[in-house]
Each structure stands twice: as structure tokens, then as C-alpha cells.
Amino acid sequence: MNRLLKAAAVAATAIFASGGAWAADCPVTILDPFDLEGDDIDSIYDCMKDDLVAGYASQGSKIAENYRNWTVTSTRMGVAGPHGSRLLLTFANSIGAEAYLKFEEEGANMPVGSVLAKESIKIHKKKKMAVPGPLFLMTKVAAGELPDTNDWRYDALAPSGKVMKIKQSYCHNCHLGFEDQDYMGYPLEELRLKN
């Protein structure tokens, strides 16, 4: 690696570690995420995947440090519309993976201790770049612990790894549409991994 490239890499790492929005230069030419083809999405993810983990884990979150060792639930990122039309990829921890991968549309019931971690990437139309989005988290807690959200706790980490302040009802109001699926959205059907 020549000196100029090495200096740029060091500068990008420093910007990202200090809370900057992204380290990688991941330009895009297709600005509507719904127009992206599989190869386009794979290329974006390949460009950003290391920076996603580094950013989420930079503040010491144990989940962020470990979620990539969990079960990935789809063949690649997809754009379903929720979460601001971001590219999304969900990982399920060992407690919840088997139940989640059934993708039950009726009667789903996740075990207590299940955690889902959803990576996200947003297409920044003005900058014509792909940029990291939050790591969205759902944790199934004991029955009756959080009755207002049907015993799900919603959390998120910013791309810088900082814990985001989110209103539980804001997340859960969207997830109410998935009541029969134990309030979980699933990856696009054509991308789902089978148990």
C-alpha cells in the first residue's frame, strides 16, 4: 500500500472511531434502494461490512462485538421498506435462531432471551453514497415484564456505537402489524434461510 493510501486509511479510521458517520468510501449510482439488484447490494455490503461491526462495537457493546457469530437469517441484505427503506440483514442469537428461522406467519412464539440484531445501510441520495445505519435490536424478555410492547424490548446502536434513545412505543407501533409473528418482521421471502 503506498503512503498516500495508507494515510487515507488511517484518517478514515480516525474519523470513524471519533463518531463520524462512515469510514469507507462506498459510492452508489442507483439512488433508490428498491432499484438495487442483488449484485449491487452485495457490492455495497462488501464495501461496508467491516466498518459496520467496527462502528457498532466501538463503544464496548457486547452484542455488537458478538452478533456476527450468531445465525444470519437471509442470503443477503434486502430492502423491505421498514426502517426507513434501509438495506437490512438480521442475525438471531442461539436462543432465538431455531424459532426465528421457522418464519411462522401464525402462532410464532420466541423464547425468552432471544435477541435479534438487524444491521442497516442507508443510501444517502445527496452524497450518492451508502452509509451505515443503526444496529436495530429486539430482545424477548420474561412474560409480563414489558406488557406495553408484548415483552419485547427495542434498542438501537448508532453507527458510532452509541446507544440511541428510542421510544419503545414508536418501534412497537410498527411491529403491531406482525402480531401473529410474535411482532417480528422477517427478511424478504426470497432471501430467507431455511432452518
C-alpha atoms as a PDB file:
ATOM      1  CA  MET A   1       0.000   0.000   0.000  1.00  0.00           C
ATOM      2  CA  ASN A   2       1.529   3.333  -0.969  1.00  0.00           C
ATOM      3  CA  ARG A   3       1.982   6.119   1.591  1.00  0.00           C
ATOM      4  CA  LEU A   4      -0.975   8.199   0.347  1.00  0.00           C
ATOM      5  CA  LEU A   5      -3.406   5.271   0.516  1.00  0.00           C
ATOM      6  CA  LYS A   6      -2.096   4.284   3.949  1.00  0.00           C
ATOM      7  CA  ALA A   7      -2.577   7.856   5.234  1.00  0.00           C
ATOM      8  CA  ALA A   8      -6.124   7.951   3.846  1.00  0.00           C
ATOM      9  CA  ALA A   9      -6.956   4.662   5.538  1.00  0.00           C
ATOM     10  CA  VAL A  10      -5.609   5.906   8.866  1.00  0.00           C
ATOM     11  CA  ALA A  11      -7.564   9.171   8.545  1.00  0.00           C
ATOM     12  CA  ALA A  12     -10.778   7.340   7.667  1.00  0.00           C
ATOM     13  CA  THR A  13     -10.342   5.038  10.658  1.00  0.00           C
ATOM     14  CA  ALA A  14      -9.768   8.010  12.955  1.00  0.00           C
ATOM     15  CA  ILE A  15     -12.861   9.813  11.654  1.00  0.00           C
ATOM     16  CA  PHE A  16     -14.987   6.701  12.121  1.00  0.00           C
ATOM     17  CA  ALA A  17     -13.660   5.969  15.599  1.00  0.00           C
ATOM     18  CA  SER A  18     -14.390   9.519  16.669  1.00  0.00           C
ATOM     19  CA  GLY A  19     -18.043   9.167  15.790  1.00  0.00           C
ATOM     20  CA  GLY A  20     -18.006  10.075  12.104  1.00  0.00           C
ATOM     21  CA  ALA A  21     -20.786   8.599  10.016  1.00  0.00           C
ATOM     22  CA  TRP A  22     -18.688   6.246   7.885  1.00  0.00           C
ATOM     23  CA  ALA A  23     -15.173   5.214   7.131  1.00  0.00           C
ATOM     24  CA  ALA A  24     -15.433   3.554   3.759  1.00  0.00           C
ATOM     25  CA  ASP A  25     -15.966   5.438   0.539  1.00  0.00           C
ATOM     26  CA  CYS A  26     -18.877   3.450  -0.886  1.00  0.00           C
ATOM     27  CA  PRO A  27     -20.284   5.469  -3.774  1.00  0.00           C
ATOM     28  CA  VAL A  28     -23.529   4.374  -5.435  1.00  0.00           C
ATOM     29  CA  THR A  29     -25.040   5.235  -8.784  1.00  0.00           C
ATOM     30  CA  ILE A  30     -28.500   3.798  -8.088  1.00  0.00           C
ATOM     31  CA  LEU A  31     -30.108   6.080  -5.520  1.00  0.00           C
ATOM     32  CA  ASP A  32     -33.438   4.339  -4.973  1.00  0.00           C
ATOM     33  CA  PRO A  33     -32.754   1.311  -2.755  1.00  0.00           C
ATOM     34  CA  PHE A  34     -35.733  -0.517  -4.281  1.00  0.00           C
ATOM     35  CA  ASP A  35     -33.999  -0.367  -7.681  1.00  0.00           C
ATOM     36  CA  LEU A  36     -30.858  -2.130  -6.431  1.00  0.00           C
ATOM     37  CA  GLU A  37     -30.209  -5.608  -7.804  1.00  0.00           C
ATOM     38  CA  GLY A  38     -28.674  -8.413  -5.748  1.00  0.00           C
ATOM     39  CA  ASP A  39     -25.174  -7.787  -7.130  1.00  0.00           C
ATOM     40  CA  ASP A  40     -25.452  -4.073  -6.282  1.00  0.00           C
ATOM     41  CA  ILE A  41     -26.487  -4.878  -2.707  1.00  0.00           C
ATOM     42  CA  ASP A  42     -23.689  -7.430  -2.342  1.00  0.00           C
ATOM     43  CA  SER A  43     -21.159  -4.877  -3.572  1.00  0.00           C
ATOM     44  CA  ILE A  44     -22.377  -2.252  -1.085  1.00  0.00           C
ATOM     45  CA  TYR A  45     -22.301  -4.759   1.771  1.00  0.00           C
ATOM     46  CA  ASP A  46     -18.811  -5.958   0.848  1.00  0.00           C
ATOM     47  CA  CYS A  47     -17.639  -2.346   0.924  1.00  0.00           C
ATOM     48  CA  MET A  48     -19.175  -1.625   4.346  1.00  0.00           C
ATOM     49  CA  LYS A  49     -19.432  -4.859   6.334  1.00  0.00           C
ATOM     50  CA  ASP A  50     -16.196  -4.444   8.309  1.00  0.00           C
ATOM     51  CA  ASP A  51     -16.947  -0.804   9.107  1.00  0.00           C
ATOM     52  CA  LEU A  52     -20.432  -1.712  10.347  1.00  0.00           C
ATOM     53  CA  VAL A  53     -19.072  -4.043  13.014  1.00  0.00           C
ATOM     54  CA  ALA A  54     -16.199  -1.721  13.940  1.00  0.00           C
ATOM     55  CA  GLY A  55     -18.578   1.191  14.407  1.00  0.00           C
ATOM     56  CA  TYR A  56     -21.266  -0.655  16.344  1.00  0.00           C
ATOM     57  CA  ALA A  57     -18.679  -2.238  18.657  1.00  0.00           C
ATOM     58  CA  SER A  58     -16.575   0.901  19.192  1.00  0.00           C
ATOM     59  CA  GLN A  59     -18.328   1.825  22.468  1.00  0.00           C
ATOM     60  CA  GLY A  60     -17.971  -1.634  24.037  1.00  0.00           C
ATOM     61  CA  SER A  61     -21.388  -3.192  23.370  1.00  0.00           C
ATOM     62  CA  LYS A  62     -21.084  -6.959  23.924  1.00  0.00           C
ATOM     63  CA  ILE A  63     -23.922  -7.586  21.462  1.00  0.00           C
ATOM     64  CA  ALA A  64     -22.164  -5.502  18.807  1.00  0.00           C
ATOM     65  CA  GLU A  65     -18.931  -7.385  19.419  1.00  0.00           C
ATOM     66  CA  ASN A  66     -20.617 -10.777  19.029  1.00  0.00           C
ATOM     67  CA  TYR A  67     -23.707 -10.646  16.802  1.00  0.00           C
ATOM     68  CA  ARG A  68     -21.798 -11.637  13.659  1.00  0.00           C
ATOM     69  CA  ASN A  69     -21.162 -15.011  15.371  1.00  0.00           C
ATOM     70  CA  TRP A  70     -24.927 -15.571  15.574  1.00  0.00           C
ATOM     71  CA  THR A  71     -27.122 -17.137  12.882  1.00  0.00           C
ATOM     72  CA  VAL A  72     -27.622 -14.984   9.812  1.00  0.00           C
ATOM     73  CA  THR A  73     -31.251 -15.282   8.678  1.00  0.00           C
ATOM     74  CA  SER A  74     -31.074 -14.445   4.977  1.00  0.00           C
ATOM     75  CA  THR A  75     -28.842 -14.971   1.986  1.00  0.00           C
ATOM     76  CA  ARG A  76     -28.013 -11.244   1.759  1.00  0.00           C
ATOM     77  CA  MET A  77     -29.267  -7.800   2.745  1.00  0.00           C
ATOM     78  CA  GLY A  78     -32.645  -6.798   1.390  1.00  0.00           C
ATOM     79  CA  VAL A  79     -34.888  -3.747   1.204  1.00  0.00           C
ATOM     80  CA  ALA A  80     -38.376  -4.387   2.538  1.00  0.00           C
ATOM     81  CA  GLY A  81     -39.436  -0.811   3.310  1.00  0.00           C
ATOM     82  CA  PRO A  82     -39.475  -0.673   7.120  1.00  0.00           C
ATOM     83  CA  HIS A  83     -36.641   1.037   8.969  1.00  0.00           C
ATOM     84  CA  GLY A  84     -36.509   3.936   6.552  1.00  0.00           C
ATOM     85  CA  SER A  85     -36.064   1.878   3.365  1.00  0.00           C
ATOM     86  CA  ARG A  86     -32.615   0.794   4.503  1.00  0.00           C
ATOM     87  CA  LEU A  87     -30.785  -2.327   3.407  1.00  0.00           C
ATOM     88  CA  LEU A  88     -31.278  -4.799   6.266  1.00  0.00           C
ATOM     89  CA  LEU A  89     -29.635  -8.019   7.428  1.00  0.00           C
ATOM     90  CA  THR A  90     -30.852  -9.834  10.555  1.00  0.00           C
ATOM     91  CA  PHE A  91     -28.886 -12.089  12.893  1.00  0.00           C
ATOM     92  CA  ALA A  92     -30.521 -14.241  15.620  1.00  0.00           C
ATOM     93  CA  ASN A  93     -28.754 -15.341  18.799  1.00  0.00           C
ATOM     94  CA  SER A  94     -28.502 -19.029  19.765  1.00  0.00           C
ATOM     95  CA  ILE A  95     -31.612 -18.846  21.959  1.00  0.00           C
ATOM     96  CA  GLY A  96     -33.841 -17.495  19.198  1.00  0.00           C
ATOM     97  CA  ALA A  97     -32.347 -18.752  15.939  1.00  0.00           C
ATOM     98  CA  GLU A  98     -34.270 -22.013  15.622  1.00  0.00           C
ATOM     99  CA  ALA A  99     -37.644 -20.400  16.326  1.00  0.00           C
ATOM    100  CA  TYR A 100     -36.943 -17.362  14.131  1.00  0.00           C
ATOM    101  CA  LEU A 101     -35.854 -19.433  11.128  1.00  0.00           C
ATOM    102  CA  LYS A 102     -39.281 -21.086  11.035  1.00  0.00           C
ATOM    103  CA  PHE A 103     -40.605 -17.740   9.755  1.00  0.00           C
ATOM    104  CA  GLU A 104     -44.019 -18.648  11.151  1.00  0.00           C
ATOM    105  CA  GLU A 105     -46.779 -16.387   9.931  1.00  0.00           C
ATOM    106  CA  GLU A 106     -49.197 -17.551  12.638  1.00  0.00           C
ATOM    107  CA  GLY A 107     -48.587 -18.634  16.200  1.00  0.00           C
ATOM    108  CA  ALA A 108     -44.914 -17.660  16.399  1.00  0.00           C
ATOM    109  CA  ASN A 109     -43.583 -17.546  19.954  1.00  0.00           C
ATOM    110  CA  MET A 110     -39.960 -16.642  20.557  1.00  0.00           C
ATOM    111  CA  PRO A 111     -38.247 -17.974  23.687  1.00  0.00           C
ATOM    112  CA  VAL A 112     -37.269 -15.561  26.452  1.00  0.00           C
ATOM    113  CA  GLY A 113     -33.701 -14.383  25.907  1.00  0.00           C
ATOM    114  CA  SER A 114     -33.992 -14.293  22.112  1.00  0.00           C
ATOM    115  CA  VAL A 115     -32.136 -11.364  20.608  1.00  0.00           C
ATOM    116  CA  LEU A 116     -32.365 -10.183  17.006  1.00  0.00           C
ATOM    117  CA  ALA A 117     -29.750  -7.797  15.628  1.00  0.00           C
ATOM    118  CA  LYS A 118     -30.503  -6.043  12.364  1.00  0.00           C
ATOM    119  CA  GLU A 119     -27.679  -4.310  10.515  1.00  0.00           C
ATOM    120  CA  SER A 120     -28.719  -1.417   8.317  1.00  0.00           C
ATOM    121  CA  ILE A 121     -27.265   0.618   5.486  1.00  0.00           C
ATOM    122  CA  LYS A 122     -28.877   3.730   4.040  1.00  0.00           C
ATOM    123  CA  ILE A 123     -28.423   5.168   0.582  1.00  0.00           C
ATOM    124  CA  HIS A 124     -27.540   8.844   1.069  1.00  0.00           C
ATOM    125  CA  LYS A 125     -29.017  10.367  -2.077  1.00  0.00           C
ATOM    126  CA  LYS A 126     -27.351  13.794  -1.854  1.00  0.00           C
ATOM    127  CA  LYS A 127     -23.868  12.387  -1.282  1.00  0.00           C
ATOM    128  CA  LYS A 128     -24.508   9.421  -3.622  1.00  0.00           C
ATOM    129  CA  MET A 129     -23.015   7.101  -1.045  1.00  0.00           C
ATOM    130  CA  ALA A 130     -24.027   4.139   1.033  1.00  0.00           C
ATOM    131  CA  VAL A 131     -23.711   4.976   4.724  1.00  0.00           C
ATOM    132  CA  PRO A 132     -24.051   2.862   7.869  1.00  0.00           C
ATOM    133  CA  GLY A 133     -27.380   2.932   9.631  1.00  0.00           C
ATOM    134  CA  PRO A 134     -28.196   1.828  13.174  1.00  0.00           C
ATOM    135  CA  LEU A 135     -27.906  -1.695  14.513  1.00  0.00           C
ATOM    136  CA  PHE A 136     -31.523  -2.364  15.498  1.00  0.00           C
ATOM    137  CA  LEU A 137     -32.056  -4.787  18.389  1.00  0.00           C
ATOM    138  CA  MET A 138     -35.077  -6.716  19.687  1.00  0.00           C
ATOM    139  CA  THR A 139     -34.861  -8.682  22.931  1.00  0.00           C
ATOM    140  CA  LYS A 140     -37.588 -11.028  24.186  1.00  0.00           C
ATOM    141  CA  VAL A 141     -37.986 -10.563  27.948  1.00  0.00           C
ATOM    142  CA  ALA A 142     -39.914 -12.574  30.553  1.00  0.00           C
ATOM    143  CA  ALA A 143     -43.703 -12.721  30.264  1.00  0.00           C
ATOM    144  CA  GLY A 144     -45.301  -9.661  31.830  1.00  0.00           C
ATOM    145  CA  GLU A 145     -42.031  -7.708  32.136  1.00  0.00           C
ATOM    146  CA  LEU A 146     -42.895  -5.249  29.344  1.00  0.00           C
ATOM    147  CA  PRO A 147     -46.649  -5.613  28.742  1.00  0.00           C
ATOM    148  CA  ASP A 148     -46.885  -2.436  26.637  1.00  0.00           C
ATOM    149  CA  THR A 149     -44.612  -3.980  23.999  1.00  0.00           C
ATOM    150  CA  ASN A 150     -45.734  -7.589  24.359  1.00  0.00           C
ATOM    151  CA  ASP A 151     -42.499  -8.412  26.206  1.00  0.00           C
ATOM    152  CA  TRP A 152     -40.152  -7.130  23.525  1.00  0.00           C
ATOM    153  CA  ARG A 153     -37.500  -4.502  24.284  1.00  0.00           C
ATOM    154  CA  TYR A 154     -36.347  -2.391  21.358  1.00  0.00           C
ATOM    155  CA  ASP A 155     -32.869  -0.867  21.303  1.00  0.00           C
ATOM    156  CA  ALA A 156     -30.512   0.536  18.705  1.00  0.00           C
ATOM    157  CA  LEU A 157     -26.854   1.418  18.383  1.00  0.00           C
ATOM    158  CA  ALA A 158     -25.815   4.334  16.192  1.00  0.00           C
ATOM    159  CA  PRO A 159     -23.141   3.671  13.559  1.00  0.00           C
ATOM    160  CA  SER A 160     -20.707   5.211  16.074  1.00  0.00           C
ATOM    161  CA  GLY A 161     -21.654   2.564  18.654  1.00  0.00           C
ATOM    162  CA  LYS A 162     -23.504   4.992  20.910  1.00  0.00           C
ATOM    163  CA  VAL A 163     -26.761   3.750  22.423  1.00  0.00           C
ATOM    164  CA  MET A 164     -29.648   5.548  20.755  1.00  0.00           C
ATOM    165  CA  LYS A 165     -32.557   6.877  22.779  1.00  0.00           C
ATOM    166  CA  ILE A 166     -35.665   5.369  21.269  1.00  0.00           C
ATOM    167  CA  LYS A 167     -39.282   5.410  22.322  1.00  0.00           C
ATOM    168  CA  GLN A 168     -40.472   1.825  22.819  1.00  0.00           C
ATOM    169  CA  SER A 169     -43.966   2.646  21.550  1.00  0.00           C
ATOM    170  CA  TYR A 170     -42.529   4.110  18.334  1.00  0.00           C
ATOM    171  CA  CYS A 171     -40.940   0.780  17.416  1.00  0.00           C
ATOM    172  CA  HIS A 172     -43.736  -1.380  18.739  1.00  0.00           C
ATOM    173  CA  ASN A 173     -46.478   0.528  16.905  1.00  0.00           C
ATOM    174  CA  CYS A 174     -44.910  -0.677  13.635  1.00  0.00           C
ATOM    175  CA  HIS A 175     -44.362  -4.193  14.959  1.00  0.00           C
ATOM    176  CA  LEU A 176     -48.052  -4.444  15.902  1.00  0.00           C
ATOM    177  CA  GLY A 177     -48.639  -5.272  12.242  1.00  0.00           C
ATOM    178  CA  PHE A 178     -46.807  -8.564  12.854  1.00  0.00           C
ATOM    179  CA  GLU A 179     -48.817  -9.703  15.882  1.00  0.00           C
ATOM    180  CA  ASP A 180     -49.257 -13.303  14.630  1.00  0.00           C
ATOM    181  CA  GLN A 181     -45.480 -13.498  14.070  1.00  0.00           C
ATOM    182  CA  ASP A 182     -44.770 -12.569  17.701  1.00  0.00           C
ATOM    183  CA  TYR A 183     -44.327  -8.979  16.500  1.00  0.00           C
ATOM    184  CA  MET A 184     -41.312  -9.778  14.325  1.00  0.00           C
ATOM    185  CA  GLY A 185     -40.732  -8.733  10.758  1.00  0.00           C
ATOM    186  CA  TYR A 186     -38.904 -11.263   8.616  1.00  0.00           C
ATOM    187  CA  PRO A 187     -36.472 -10.905   5.713  1.00  0.00           C
ATOM    188  CA  LEU A 188     -37.942 -10.846   2.221  1.00  0.00           C
ATOM    189  CA  GLU A 189     -39.321 -14.287   1.459  1.00  0.00           C
ATOM    190  CA  GLU A 190     -36.985 -14.945  -1.465  1.00  0.00           C
ATOM    191  CA  LEU A 191     -33.940 -14.208   0.729  1.00  0.00           C
ATOM    192  CA  ARG A 192     -34.852 -16.255   3.826  1.00  0.00           C
ATOM    193  CA  LEU A 193     -32.594 -19.043   5.006  1.00  0.00           C
ATOM    194  CA  LYS A 194     -34.382 -22.191   5.967  1.00  0.00           C
ATOM    195  CA  ASN A 195     -33.972 -23.938   9.315  1.00  0.00           C
END
